[in-house]
Amino acid sequence: MRSSLLAAVLLSVAAVAAQPKSSRLTGTVIAVHQQSDSVTLIDLKTMEAYRHVRVVGGPHEAAVSTDGRTVVATGQR
């Protein structure tokens, strides 16, 4: 499951990177890292991680509020 999520994120990022600059997406990808107990925010415009947040309990999934201002990560442990 973890490798499937990572593969999906990498494919999404690769697809965006392959698009011409004029049609690039903006926004943020949220990657959860179960083994390192962290969540990473990645800016799609720059394709760079801009925030690493330590969490407790091995994050498993993340959900974003409708206004995009809040992210909740749930853990398995």
Protein backbone atom coordinates (compact mmCIF):
# COMPACT_ATOMS: atom_id res chain seq x y z
CA MET A 1 0.00 0.00 0.00
CA ARG A 2 2.78 2.42 0.96
CA SER A 3 4.68 1.78 -2.26
CA SER A 4 1.45 2.21 -4.24
CA LEU A 5 0.89 5.66 -2.71
CA LEU A 6 4.48 6.68 -3.36
CA ALA A 7 4.22 5.48 -6.96
CA ALA A 8 1.00 7.46 -7.47
CA VAL A 9 2.57 10.64 -6.10
CA LEU A 10 5.70 10.20 -8.22
CA LEU A 11 3.66 9.59 -11.36
CA SER A 12 1.55 12.67 -10.66
CA VAL A 13 4.62 14.82 -10.11
CA ALA A 14 6.31 13.41 -13.23
CA ALA A 15 3.22 14.11 -15.34
CA VAL A 16 3.10 17.70 -14.17
CA ALA A 17 6.84 18.17 -14.73
CA ALA A 18 6.50 16.93 -18.31
CA GLN A 19 3.90 19.55 -19.22
CA PRO A 20 4.92 22.81 -20.92
CA LYS A 21 5.49 25.68 -18.51
CA SER A 22 2.39 27.52 -19.68
CA SER A 23 0.09 24.68 -18.62
CA ARG A 24 1.72 23.68 -15.33
CA LEU A 25 -0.52 23.11 -12.37
CA THR A 26 -0.29 25.02 -9.13
CA GLY A 27 -1.07 23.81 -5.67
CA THR A 28 0.38 21.42 -3.16
CA VAL A 29 0.92 17.67 -3.00
CA ILE A 30 0.81 16.15 0.48
CA ALA A 31 3.04 13.11 0.95
CA VAL A 32 2.75 11.02 4.11
CA HIS A 33 5.81 9.07 5.28
CA GLN A 34 4.80 6.24 7.55
CA GLN A 35 8.29 5.04 8.50
CA SER A 36 9.70 8.49 9.31
CA ASP A 37 6.53 9.75 11.05
CA SER A 38 6.31 12.87 8.89
CA VAL A 39 4.22 14.68 6.29
CA THR A 40 5.82 16.64 3.43
CA LEU A 41 4.21 19.48 1.49
CA ILE A 42 5.39 19.80 -2.12
CA ASP A 43 4.77 22.92 -4.22
CA LEU A 44 3.67 21.85 -7.72
CA LYS A 45 4.82 25.09 -9.34
CA THR A 46 8.42 24.79 -8.13
CA MET A 47 8.37 20.99 -7.68
CA GLU A 48 10.11 21.43 -4.32
CA ALA A 49 9.28 20.28 -0.82
CA TYR A 50 8.70 23.38 1.27
CA ARG A 51 7.62 21.97 4.61
CA HIS A 52 8.33 18.77 6.54
CA VAL A 53 6.06 18.20 9.53
CA ARG A 54 6.83 15.60 12.21
CA VAL A 55 3.76 13.66 13.36
CA VAL A 56 3.14 10.83 15.82
CA GLY A 57 1.86 7.37 15.03
CA GLY A 58 2.96 6.60 11.48
CA PRO A 59 0.74 8.71 9.23
CA HIS A 60 -1.31 6.58 6.88
CA GLU A 61 -3.65 8.98 5.09
CA ALA A 62 -4.18 12.73 4.80
CA ALA A 63 -7.32 14.77 4.16
CA VAL A 64 -7.55 18.44 3.22
CA SER A 65 -10.34 20.79 4.28
CA THR A 66 -12.52 22.27 1.54
CA ASP A 67 -10.89 25.69 1.93
CA GLY A 68 -7.41 24.11 1.59
CA ARG A 69 -6.13 25.62 4.82
CA THR A 70 -6.10 22.53 7.04
CA VAL A 71 -4.65 19.05 6.60
CA VAL A 72 -5.43 16.16 8.92
CA ALA A 73 -3.20 13.08 8.89
CA THR A 74 -4.38 9.83 10.46
CA GLY A 75 -2.05 7.21 11.86
CA GLN A 76 -1.99 3.43 12.06
CA ARG A 77 -0.19 3.03 15.38
